[in-house]
Amino acid sequence: MVNNTEEKANRPRSKKSSLESQSKEKKPEKISKKISQEEYEKKIIELAKQGLTSEKIGETLRNSGIHSKEHEGKISFILKKNKLYVNPDLKNITEKMENINKHYIKNKQDKRAMREGARFASHLRKLKTYYKV
């Protein structure tokens, strides 16, 4: 009778997958772009007019090589100054409510969607009182 632990010890080890070996390799550092403060603010306003929230604007800028820490002012403050700021919590929940309502109109038999619609409606109501909107 061979012990189970002995079988594991004698078994040949498998080679690492190519993904594991690639993840440990050094990734090239992203080069940050140097732009002026005015260009930075213009880029933020342009992205906000496309309908992005401050969180998504920061992510988009970081992916394009522009780091917000190298410039003055938070993205949300720049948007508030230009009256383009939209609270991301409220925006996300209203979008979710719209999607649930569209689904429920098509599928009246879906009781789960009806329950989710009521749950998100109460969540939206609570957030509106919290943010005093």
Protein backbone atom coordinates (compact mmCIF):
# COMPACT_ATOMS: atom_id res chain seq x y z
CA MET A 1 0.00 0.00 0.00
CA VAL A 2 1.51 3.30 -1.15
CA ASN A 3 0.87 6.37 0.93
CA ASN A 4 -0.90 9.24 -0.86
CA THR A 5 1.76 11.75 0.21
CA GLU A 6 4.51 9.55 -1.28
CA GLU A 7 2.74 9.58 -4.64
CA LYS A 8 2.65 13.35 -4.61
CA ALA A 9 6.32 13.57 -3.67
CA ASN A 10 7.42 11.21 -6.46
CA ARG A 11 5.26 12.79 -9.14
CA PRO A 12 7.17 15.00 -11.61
CA ARG A 13 6.33 18.65 -11.30
CA SER A 14 4.68 20.36 -14.20
CA LYS A 15 6.36 23.24 -15.94
CA LYS A 16 5.11 26.72 -15.29
CA SER A 17 2.66 28.03 -17.82
CA SER A 18 3.79 30.76 -20.13
CA LEU A 19 1.40 33.20 -18.41
CA GLU A 20 3.03 32.67 -15.02
CA SER A 21 6.50 33.29 -16.38
CA GLN A 22 5.35 36.40 -18.27
CA SER A 23 3.75 37.94 -15.19
CA LYS A 24 7.04 37.86 -13.28
CA GLU A 25 8.96 39.58 -16.05
CA LYS A 26 9.50 43.28 -15.65
CA LYS A 27 6.91 45.30 -17.47
CA PRO A 28 8.11 48.45 -19.23
CA GLU A 29 7.28 51.57 -17.27
CA LYS A 30 4.68 53.83 -18.80
CA ILE A 31 6.06 57.17 -19.85
CA SER A 32 4.07 60.04 -18.44
CA LYS A 33 3.25 62.91 -20.75
CA LYS A 34 4.15 66.41 -19.63
CA ILE A 35 1.33 68.83 -20.35
CA SER A 36 0.56 72.24 -18.91
CA GLN A 37 -2.10 72.88 -16.29
CA GLU A 38 -4.37 74.60 -18.84
CA GLU A 39 -4.15 71.66 -21.25
CA TYR A 40 -4.86 69.30 -18.34
CA GLU A 41 -8.02 71.21 -17.39
CA LYS A 42 -9.16 71.38 -21.03
CA LYS A 43 -8.71 67.61 -21.35
CA ILE A 44 -10.79 67.04 -18.17
CA ILE A 45 -13.59 69.33 -19.40
CA GLU A 46 -13.58 67.65 -22.81
CA LEU A 47 -13.93 64.19 -21.22
CA ALA A 48 -16.68 65.43 -18.87
CA LYS A 49 -18.68 66.72 -21.83
CA GLN A 50 -18.53 63.20 -23.27
CA GLY A 51 -20.47 62.06 -20.18
CA LEU A 52 -17.68 60.54 -18.07
CA THR A 53 -17.62 60.83 -14.29
CA SER A 54 -14.55 62.07 -12.40
CA GLU A 55 -13.53 58.47 -11.66
CA LYS A 56 -13.61 57.46 -15.33
CA ILE A 57 -11.84 60.66 -16.35
CA GLY A 58 -8.97 59.83 -14.00
CA GLU A 59 -8.77 56.30 -15.36
CA THR A 60 -8.79 57.53 -18.96
CA LEU A 61 -6.07 60.09 -18.28
CA ARG A 62 -3.91 57.53 -16.49
CA ASN A 63 -4.23 55.11 -19.43
CA SER A 64 -3.16 57.84 -21.83
CA GLY A 65 -0.07 58.57 -19.72
CA ILE A 66 -1.25 61.72 -17.93
CA HIS A 67 -0.99 61.50 -14.15
CA SER A 68 -3.28 63.69 -12.06
CA LYS A 69 -0.74 63.89 -9.21
CA GLU A 70 1.60 65.92 -11.42
CA HIS A 71 -1.01 68.69 -11.76
CA GLU A 72 -2.79 70.96 -9.32
CA GLY A 73 -6.36 70.37 -8.28
CA LYS A 74 -8.42 67.25 -8.05
CA ILE A 75 -10.51 66.29 -11.05
CA SER A 76 -13.77 66.70 -9.14
CA PHE A 77 -12.80 70.23 -8.02
CA ILE A 78 -11.99 71.23 -11.60
CA LEU A 79 -15.37 69.87 -12.71
CA LYS A 80 -17.18 71.70 -9.86
CA LYS A 81 -15.43 74.93 -10.80
CA ASN A 82 -16.73 74.56 -14.36
CA LYS A 83 -20.17 73.34 -13.18
CA LEU A 84 -19.81 69.96 -14.90
CA TYR A 85 -19.62 67.76 -11.80
CA VAL A 86 -22.10 64.89 -11.54
CA ASN A 87 -22.12 62.75 -8.42
CA PRO A 88 -20.97 59.29 -9.58
CA ASP A 89 -23.07 57.45 -6.96
CA LEU A 90 -26.28 59.07 -8.12
CA LYS A 91 -25.41 58.68 -11.79
CA ASN A 92 -24.62 54.97 -11.48
CA ILE A 93 -27.81 54.20 -9.56
CA THR A 94 -30.04 56.18 -11.93
CA GLU A 95 -28.51 54.32 -14.90
CA LYS A 96 -29.09 51.01 -13.13
CA MET A 97 -32.72 52.02 -12.42
CA GLU A 98 -33.26 52.88 -16.09
CA ASN A 99 -31.89 49.51 -17.18
CA ILE A 100 -34.06 47.62 -14.70
CA ASN A 101 -37.16 49.56 -15.76
CA LYS A 102 -36.48 48.87 -19.46
CA HIS A 103 -36.10 45.18 -18.68
CA TYR A 104 -39.25 45.08 -16.56
CA ILE A 105 -41.32 46.75 -19.28
CA LYS A 106 -40.30 43.99 -21.71
CA ASN A 107 -40.65 41.20 -19.14
CA LYS A 108 -43.67 41.78 -16.93
CA GLN A 109 -43.47 38.24 -15.53
CA ASP A 110 -40.03 38.92 -14.00
CA LYS A 111 -40.85 39.45 -10.33
CA ARG A 112 -37.18 39.62 -9.41
CA ALA A 113 -36.75 42.69 -11.64
CA MET A 114 -39.75 44.31 -9.97
CA ARG A 115 -38.15 43.71 -6.56
CA GLU A 116 -34.78 45.05 -7.73
CA GLY A 117 -36.48 48.15 -9.13
CA ALA A 118 -38.07 48.85 -5.77
CA ARG A 119 -34.78 48.23 -3.98
CA PHE A 120 -32.83 50.60 -6.23
CA ALA A 121 -35.57 53.22 -5.98
CA SER A 122 -35.27 53.24 -2.20
CA HIS A 123 -31.47 53.32 -2.46
CA LEU A 124 -31.67 56.31 -4.82
CA ARG A 125 -34.09 58.08 -2.47
CA LYS A 126 -31.71 57.57 0.47
CA LEU A 127 -28.73 58.88 -1.50
CA LYS A 128 -30.65 61.95 -2.60
CA THR A 129 -31.45 62.83 1.01
CA TYR A 130 -27.81 62.16 2.00
CA TYR A 131 -26.37 64.36 -0.75
CA LYS A 132 -29.22 66.89 -0.36
CA VAL A 133 -30.13 66.87 -4.03
